[in-house]
């Protein structure tokens, strides 16, 4: 399978896909520009590139494993056998940047100490904000076939969306926020922060996979999946 694929049947088997893509694209451009103007080029790379790389791998693995698939998009990327729309990967970087900053604002009203506990609080808030969005977004996406869940998936579902999907959202945003905030807070130069953010993907990604796998096992043990 090619790394980059172009789909000739845009909008196939979907509804309102063009507005969905347009909203994500406009939001992504706006937030990247905002980050560039406020934090500069290198920190913008720190905020956006690692999550793009991480979610490309995670999403591609999810598609390759038959959990879900994406129909009707234009540009697809594949690294481990599953084709993922480019816009979905960009959407994840929007989620992380937006919810991490919302978490900073929210926690700043409740907890002023500048320590590692604050990073945990911010990351937890970011994860909760992400799940709140997904509780609205995923049922709409499922209804319009923006992404389609495998029919063989068992367990508790929320509007036909597996409950473990929402757990995955929280775990991903929580740990990516922790990694990003730790790098942001470090006293390294911005060049080193860029290198550290990219090289740390392997560690952060491994933690995400292990934690999510343990949660899946736990849900299976208590009969929720």
C-alpha atoms as a PDB file:
ATOM      1  CA  UNK A   1       0.000   0.000   0.000  1.00  0.00           C
ATOM      2  CA  UNK A   2       1.321   3.444  -0.932  1.00  0.00           C
ATOM      3  CA  UNK A   3       2.227   5.950   1.757  1.00  0.00           C
ATOM      4  CA  UNK A   4       0.095   8.606   0.026  1.00  0.00           C
ATOM      5  CA  UNK A   5      -3.129   7.751  -1.786  1.00  0.00           C
ATOM      6  CA  UNK A   6      -5.470  10.008  -3.725  1.00  0.00           C
ATOM      7  CA  UNK A   7      -9.142   9.085  -3.731  1.00  0.00           C
ATOM      8  CA  UNK A   8     -11.000   9.898  -6.943  1.00  0.00           C
ATOM      9  CA  UNK A   9     -14.451   9.489  -5.350  1.00  0.00           C
ATOM     10  CA  UNK A  10     -14.672  12.380  -2.933  1.00  0.00           C
ATOM     11  CA  UNK A  11     -17.724  12.252  -0.678  1.00  0.00           C
ATOM     12  CA  UNK A  12     -18.535   8.632  -1.559  1.00  0.00           C
ATOM     13  CA  UNK A  13     -20.947   7.031   0.950  1.00  0.00           C
ATOM     14  CA  UNK A  14     -20.857  10.131   3.173  1.00  0.00           C
ATOM     15  CA  UNK A  15     -22.977  13.156   3.938  1.00  0.00           C
ATOM     16  CA  UNK A  16     -21.821  16.744   4.560  1.00  0.00           C
ATOM     17  CA  UNK A  17     -18.182  15.704   4.325  1.00  0.00           C
ATOM     18  CA  UNK A  18     -17.038  18.874   2.531  1.00  0.00           C
ATOM     19  CA  UNK A  19     -18.217  21.242   5.333  1.00  0.00           C
ATOM     20  CA  UNK A  20     -16.626  18.955   7.928  1.00  0.00           C
ATOM     21  CA  UNK A  21     -13.276  19.058   6.125  1.00  0.00           C
ATOM     22  CA  UNK A  22     -13.543  22.813   5.578  1.00  0.00           C
ATOM     23  CA  UNK A  23     -14.122  23.505   9.277  1.00  0.00           C
ATOM     24  CA  UNK A  24     -11.105  21.409  10.286  1.00  0.00           C
ATOM     25  CA  UNK A  25      -8.859  22.920   7.614  1.00  0.00           C
ATOM     26  CA  UNK A  26      -9.777  26.510   8.482  1.00  0.00           C
ATOM     27  CA  UNK A  27      -9.368  25.847  12.212  1.00  0.00           C
ATOM     28  CA  UNK A  28      -5.996  24.184  11.664  1.00  0.00           C
ATOM     29  CA  UNK A  29      -4.652  27.068   9.563  1.00  0.00           C
ATOM     30  CA  UNK A  30      -5.913  29.599  12.105  1.00  0.00           C
ATOM     31  CA  UNK A  31      -4.382  27.807  15.113  1.00  0.00           C
ATOM     32  CA  UNK A  32      -1.052  27.185  13.401  1.00  0.00           C
ATOM     33  CA  UNK A  33      -0.867  30.852  12.432  1.00  0.00           C
ATOM     34  CA  UNK A  34      -1.865  31.900  15.946  1.00  0.00           C
ATOM     35  CA  UNK A  35       0.804  29.640  17.453  1.00  0.00           C
ATOM     36  CA  UNK A  36       3.415  30.914  15.001  1.00  0.00           C
ATOM     37  CA  UNK A  37       2.694  34.551  15.842  1.00  0.00           C
ATOM     38  CA  UNK A  38       2.588  33.962  19.609  1.00  0.00           C
ATOM     39  CA  UNK A  39       5.199  31.243  20.168  1.00  0.00           C
ATOM     40  CA  UNK A  40       7.341  31.238  17.023  1.00  0.00           C
ATOM     41  CA  UNK A  41       8.212  28.590  14.454  1.00  0.00           C
ATOM     42  CA  UNK A  42      10.062  26.118  16.662  1.00  0.00           C
ATOM     43  CA  UNK A  43       7.478  25.960  19.430  1.00  0.00           C
ATOM     44  CA  UNK A  44       4.719  25.640  16.843  1.00  0.00           C
ATOM     45  CA  UNK A  45       6.539  22.560  15.563  1.00  0.00           C
ATOM     46  CA  UNK A  46       6.656  21.246  19.142  1.00  0.00           C
ATOM     47  CA  UNK A  47       2.910  21.766  19.539  1.00  0.00           C
ATOM     48  CA  UNK A  48       1.791  20.305  16.219  1.00  0.00           C
ATOM     49  CA  UNK A  49       4.294  17.913  14.634  1.00  0.00           C
ATOM     50  CA  UNK A  50       4.612  15.209  17.348  1.00  0.00           C
ATOM     51  CA  UNK A  51       0.850  14.705  17.644  1.00  0.00           C
ATOM     52  CA  UNK A  52       0.590  14.541  13.843  1.00  0.00           C
ATOM     53  CA  UNK A  53       3.218  11.785  13.721  1.00  0.00           C
ATOM     54  CA  UNK A  54       1.796   9.908  16.709  1.00  0.00           C
ATOM     55  CA  UNK A  55      -1.800   9.919  15.510  1.00  0.00           C
ATOM     56  CA  UNK A  56      -0.797   8.959  11.977  1.00  0.00           C
ATOM     57  CA  UNK A  57       0.684   5.758  13.398  1.00  0.00           C
ATOM     58  CA  UNK A  58      -2.172   5.137  15.863  1.00  0.00           C
ATOM     59  CA  UNK A  59      -4.952   5.858  13.353  1.00  0.00           C
ATOM     60  CA  UNK A  60      -3.287   3.806  10.639  1.00  0.00           C
ATOM     61  CA  UNK A  61      -2.958   0.889  13.058  1.00  0.00           C
ATOM     62  CA  UNK A  62      -6.638   1.235  14.003  1.00  0.00           C
ATOM     63  CA  UNK A  63      -7.719   1.071  10.382  1.00  0.00           C
ATOM     64  CA  UNK A  64      -5.338  -1.801   9.628  1.00  0.00           C
ATOM     65  CA  UNK A  65      -6.771  -3.686  12.611  1.00  0.00           C
ATOM     66  CA  UNK A  66     -10.318  -3.369  11.266  1.00  0.00           C
ATOM     67  CA  UNK A  67     -11.646  -1.211  14.100  1.00  0.00           C
ATOM     68  CA  UNK A  68     -12.896   1.483  11.705  1.00  0.00           C
ATOM     69  CA  UNK A  69     -12.286   2.960   8.273  1.00  0.00           C
ATOM     70  CA  UNK A  70     -12.631   6.265   6.484  1.00  0.00           C
ATOM     71  CA  UNK A  71     -14.587   6.589   3.253  1.00  0.00           C
ATOM     72  CA  UNK A  72     -14.842   9.424   0.761  1.00  0.00           C
ATOM     73  CA  UNK A  73     -11.869  11.639   1.702  1.00  0.00           C
ATOM     74  CA  UNK A  74      -9.352  12.954  -0.824  1.00  0.00           C
ATOM     75  CA  UNK A  75      -5.806  12.480   0.508  1.00  0.00           C
ATOM     76  CA  UNK A  76      -4.947   9.388   2.562  1.00  0.00           C
ATOM     77  CA  UNK A  77      -1.732   8.516   4.394  1.00  0.00           C
ATOM     78  CA  UNK A  78      -0.679   5.022   5.424  1.00  0.00           C
ATOM     79  CA  UNK A  79       2.317   3.917   7.503  1.00  0.00           C
ATOM     80  CA  UNK A  80       1.308   0.570   9.031  1.00  0.00           C
ATOM     81  CA  UNK A  81      -1.191  -0.711   6.507  1.00  0.00           C
ATOM     82  CA  UNK A  82      -4.260   1.417   7.218  1.00  0.00           C
ATOM     83  CA  UNK A  83      -5.290   4.405   5.093  1.00  0.00           C
ATOM     84  CA  UNK A  84      -6.063   7.533   7.141  1.00  0.00           C
ATOM     85  CA  UNK A  85      -7.255  10.871   5.711  1.00  0.00           C
ATOM     86  CA  UNK A  86      -4.699  13.656   6.048  1.00  0.00           C
ATOM     87  CA  UNK A  87      -7.390  15.972   7.434  1.00  0.00           C
ATOM     88  CA  UNK A  88      -8.032  13.567  10.343  1.00  0.00           C
ATOM     89  CA  UNK A  89      -4.374  13.714  11.356  1.00  0.00           C
ATOM     90  CA  UNK A  90      -4.461  17.513  11.218  1.00  0.00           C
ATOM     91  CA  UNK A  91      -7.665  17.446  13.284  1.00  0.00           C
ATOM     92  CA  UNK A  92      -5.827  15.633  16.073  1.00  0.00           C
ATOM     93  CA  UNK A  93      -3.229  18.401  16.214  1.00  0.00           C
ATOM     94  CA  UNK A  94      -6.085  20.903  16.471  1.00  0.00           C
ATOM     95  CA  UNK A  95      -7.558  18.896  19.339  1.00  0.00           C
ATOM     96  CA  UNK A  96      -4.324  18.763  21.300  1.00  0.00           C
ATOM     97  CA  UNK A  97      -3.405  22.424  20.880  1.00  0.00           C
ATOM     98  CA  UNK A  98      -6.906  23.693  21.560  1.00  0.00           C
ATOM     99  CA  UNK A  99      -7.714  21.502  24.559  1.00  0.00           C
ATOM    100  CA  UNK A 100      -4.271  21.853  26.112  1.00  0.00           C
ATOM    101  CA  UNK A 101      -4.631  25.629  26.032  1.00  0.00           C
ATOM    102  CA  UNK A 102      -8.185  25.420  27.339  1.00  0.00           C
ATOM    103  CA  UNK A 103      -6.815  23.246  30.118  1.00  0.00           C
ATOM    104  CA  UNK A 104      -4.173  25.864  30.926  1.00  0.00           C
ATOM    105  CA  UNK A 105      -6.804  28.583  31.135  1.00  0.00           C
ATOM    106  CA  UNK A 106      -9.190  26.505  33.232  1.00  0.00           C
ATOM    107  CA  UNK A 107      -6.562  25.260  35.690  1.00  0.00           C
ATOM    108  CA  UNK A 108      -5.044  28.752  36.052  1.00  0.00           C
ATOM    109  CA  UNK A 109      -8.314  29.788  37.714  1.00  0.00           C
ATOM    110  CA  UNK A 110      -8.108  26.945  40.244  1.00  0.00           C
ATOM    111  CA  UNK A 111      -4.446  26.174  40.823  1.00  0.00           C
ATOM    112  CA  UNK A 112      -1.668  28.766  40.598  1.00  0.00           C
ATOM    113  CA  UNK A 113       1.407  26.785  41.658  1.00  0.00           C
ATOM    114  CA  UNK A 114       3.922  26.214  38.851  1.00  0.00           C
ATOM    115  CA  UNK A 115       4.833  22.580  39.477  1.00  0.00           C
ATOM    116  CA  UNK A 116       4.414  19.107  38.008  1.00  0.00           C
ATOM    117  CA  UNK A 117       1.040  18.676  39.670  1.00  0.00           C
ATOM    118  CA  UNK A 118      -0.190  21.597  37.583  1.00  0.00           C
ATOM    119  CA  UNK A 119       0.915  19.752  34.432  1.00  0.00           C
ATOM    120  CA  UNK A 120      -1.131  16.711  35.503  1.00  0.00           C
ATOM    121  CA  UNK A 121      -4.166  18.902  36.187  1.00  0.00           C
ATOM    122  CA  UNK A 122      -3.886  20.670  32.829  1.00  0.00           C
ATOM    123  CA  UNK A 123      -3.464  17.379  30.973  1.00  0.00           C
ATOM    124  CA  UNK A 124      -6.421  15.837  32.793  1.00  0.00           C
ATOM    125  CA  UNK A 125      -8.593  18.851  31.938  1.00  0.00           C
ATOM    126  CA  UNK A 126      -7.446  18.682  28.300  1.00  0.00           C
ATOM    127  CA  UNK A 127      -8.426  15.008  28.159  1.00  0.00           C
ATOM    128  CA  UNK A 128     -11.845  15.713  29.646  1.00  0.00           C
ATOM    129  CA  UNK A 129     -12.450  18.546  27.173  1.00  0.00           C
ATOM    130  CA  UNK A 130     -11.470  16.191  24.355  1.00  0.00           C
ATOM    131  CA  UNK A 131     -13.909  13.509  25.485  1.00  0.00           C
ATOM    132  CA  UNK A 132     -16.697  16.105  25.782  1.00  0.00           C
ATOM    133  CA  UNK A 133     -16.128  17.083  22.157  1.00  0.00           C
ATOM    134  CA  UNK A 134     -16.014  13.478  21.014  1.00  0.00           C
ATOM    135  CA  UNK A 135     -19.274  12.649  22.788  1.00  0.00           C
ATOM    136  CA  UNK A 136     -20.848  15.135  20.352  1.00  0.00           C
ATOM    137  CA  UNK A 137     -18.632  14.582  17.326  1.00  0.00           C
ATOM    138  CA  UNK A 138     -18.469  10.808  17.046  1.00  0.00           C
ATOM    139  CA  UNK A 139     -22.243  10.158  16.921  1.00  0.00           C
ATOM    140  CA  UNK A 140     -22.536  12.857  14.236  1.00  0.00           C
ATOM    141  CA  UNK A 141     -19.586  11.390  12.358  1.00  0.00           C
ATOM    142  CA  UNK A 142     -21.067   7.902  12.582  1.00  0.00           C
ATOM    143  CA  UNK A 143     -24.427   9.144  11.318  1.00  0.00           C
ATOM    144  CA  UNK A 144     -22.816  10.870   8.323  1.00  0.00           C
ATOM    145  CA  UNK A 145     -20.274   8.100   7.667  1.00  0.00           C
ATOM    146  CA  UNK A 146     -17.268  10.390   8.177  1.00  0.00           C
ATOM    147  CA  UNK A 147     -15.728   7.338   9.792  1.00  0.00           C
ATOM    148  CA  UNK A 148     -17.340   3.918  10.060  1.00  0.00           C
ATOM    149  CA  UNK A 149     -16.867   1.543  12.973  1.00  0.00           C
ATOM    150  CA  UNK A 150     -16.376  -2.176  12.394  1.00  0.00           C
ATOM    151  CA  UNK A 151     -19.611  -4.078  12.887  1.00  0.00           C
ATOM    152  CA  UNK A 152     -17.812  -6.861  14.742  1.00  0.00           C
ATOM    153  CA  UNK A 153     -16.715  -4.577  17.594  1.00  0.00           C
ATOM    154  CA  UNK A 154     -18.314  -5.700  20.827  1.00  0.00           C
ATOM    155  CA  UNK A 155     -18.904  -3.975  24.141  1.00  0.00           C
ATOM    156  CA  UNK A 156     -20.934  -1.040  25.384  1.00  0.00           C
ATOM    157  CA  UNK A 157     -21.633   1.589  22.761  1.00  0.00           C
ATOM    158  CA  UNK A 158     -22.787   5.195  22.847  1.00  0.00           C
ATOM    159  CA  UNK A 159     -24.902   5.948  19.761  1.00  0.00           C
ATOM    160  CA  UNK A 160     -23.178   2.996  18.054  1.00  0.00           C
ATOM    161  CA  UNK A 161     -19.708   4.264  19.008  1.00  0.00           C
ATOM    162  CA  UNK A 162     -17.638   1.888  21.203  1.00  0.00           C
ATOM    163  CA  UNK A 163     -17.173   3.326  24.681  1.00  0.00           C
ATOM    164  CA  UNK A 164     -13.486   2.454  24.537  1.00  0.00           C
ATOM    165  CA  UNK A 165     -13.109   5.024  21.780  1.00  0.00           C
ATOM    166  CA  UNK A 166     -13.800   7.792  24.286  1.00  0.00           C
ATOM    167  CA  UNK A 167     -11.307   6.225  26.688  1.00  0.00           C
ATOM    168  CA  UNK A 168      -8.780   6.287  23.859  1.00  0.00           C
ATOM    169  CA  UNK A 169      -9.433   9.980  23.268  1.00  0.00           C
ATOM    170  CA  UNK A 170      -8.729  10.774  26.899  1.00  0.00           C
ATOM    171  CA  UNK A 171      -5.590   8.621  27.108  1.00  0.00           C
ATOM    172  CA  UNK A 172      -4.117  10.080  23.920  1.00  0.00           C
ATOM    173  CA  UNK A 173      -4.754  13.730  24.767  1.00  0.00           C
ATOM    174  CA  UNK A 174      -3.764  13.256  28.423  1.00  0.00           C
ATOM    175  CA  UNK A 175      -0.347  11.731  27.748  1.00  0.00           C
ATOM    176  CA  UNK A 176       0.450  13.879  24.709  1.00  0.00           C
ATOM    177  CA  UNK A 177      -0.381  16.943  26.804  1.00  0.00           C
ATOM    178  CA  UNK A 178       1.941  15.777  29.586  1.00  0.00           C
ATOM    179  CA  UNK A 179       4.806  15.217  27.134  1.00  0.00           C
ATOM    180  CA  UNK A 180       4.237  18.556  25.404  1.00  0.00           C
ATOM    181  CA  UNK A 181       3.961  20.525  28.650  1.00  0.00           C
ATOM    182  CA  UNK A 182       7.091  18.915  30.113  1.00  0.00           C
ATOM    183  CA  UNK A 183       9.049  19.867  27.003  1.00  0.00           C
ATOM    184  CA  UNK A 184       7.525  23.339  26.987  1.00  0.00           C
ATOM    185  CA  UNK A 185       8.547  23.860  30.624  1.00  0.00           C
ATOM    186  CA  UNK A 186      12.088  22.525  30.195  1.00  0.00           C
ATOM    187  CA  UNK A 187      15.047  24.901  30.084  1.00  0.00           C
ATOM    188  CA  UNK A 188      16.406  23.541  26.831  1.00  0.00           C
ATOM    189  CA  UNK A 189      16.835  25.790  23.833  1.00  0.00           C
ATOM    190  CA  UNK A 190      13.956  25.844  21.370  1.00  0.00           C
ATOM    191  CA  UNK A 191      16.007  23.828  18.879  1.00  0.00           C
ATOM    192  CA  UNK A 192      16.535  21.102  21.470  1.00  0.00           C
ATOM    193  CA  UNK A 193      12.868  21.213  22.414  1.00  0.00           C
ATOM    194  CA  UNK A 194      11.983  20.430  18.800  1.00  0.00           C
ATOM    195  CA  UNK A 195      14.384  17.470  18.721  1.00  0.00           C
ATOM    196  CA  UNK A 196      13.190  16.262  22.119  1.00  0.00           C
ATOM    197  CA  UNK A 197       9.519  16.509  21.143  1.00  0.00           C
ATOM    198  CA  UNK A 198      10.079  14.360  18.056  1.00  0.00           C
ATOM    199  CA  UNK A 199      12.375  11.831  19.740  1.00  0.00           C
ATOM    200  CA  UNK A 200       9.999  11.453  22.689  1.00  0.00           C
ATOM    201  CA  UNK A 201       7.169  10.205  20.463  1.00  0.00           C
ATOM    202  CA  UNK A 202       8.385   6.613  20.809  1.00  0.00           C
ATOM    203  CA  UNK A 203       8.214   6.763  24.611  1.00  0.00           C
ATOM    204  CA  UNK A 204       4.913   8.629  24.763  1.00  0.00           C
ATOM    205  CA  UNK A 205       3.383   6.398  22.114  1.00  0.00           C
ATOM    206  CA  UNK A 206       4.467   3.266  23.965  1.00  0.00           C
ATOM    207  CA  UNK A 207       2.910   4.563  27.190  1.00  0.00           C
ATOM    208  CA  UNK A 208      -0.331   5.352  25.359  1.00  0.00           C
ATOM    209  CA  UNK A 209      -0.503   1.873  23.808  1.00  0.00           C
ATOM    210  CA  UNK A 210       0.276   0.109  27.105  1.00  0.00           C
ATOM    211  CA  UNK A 211      -2.192   2.146  29.172  1.00  0.00           C
ATOM    212  CA  UNK A 212      -4.954   1.773  26.602  1.00  0.00           C
ATOM    213  CA  UNK A 213      -4.304  -1.965  26.318  1.00  0.00           C
ATOM    214  CA  UNK A 214      -4.532  -2.337  30.097  1.00  0.00           C
ATOM    215  CA  UNK A 215      -7.815  -0.414  30.135  1.00  0.00           C
ATOM    216  CA  UNK A 216      -9.171  -2.637  27.355  1.00  0.00           C
ATOM    217  CA  UNK A 217      -8.195  -5.704  29.407  1.00  0.00           C
ATOM    218  CA  UNK A 218      -9.872  -4.219  32.480  1.00  0.00           C
ATOM    219  CA  UNK A 219     -13.056  -3.453  30.561  1.00  0.00           C
ATOM    220  CA  UNK A 220     -13.037  -7.000  29.207  1.00  0.00           C
ATOM    221  CA  UNK A 221     -12.538  -8.439  32.693  1.00  0.00           C
ATOM    222  CA  UNK A 222     -15.550  -6.594  34.107  1.00  0.00           C
ATOM    223  CA  UNK A 223     -17.667  -7.311  31.027  1.00  0.00           C
ATOM    224  CA  UNK A 224     -17.796  -3.833  29.477  1.00  0.00           C
ATOM    225  CA  UNK A 225     -16.072  -4.757  26.212  1.00  0.00           C
END
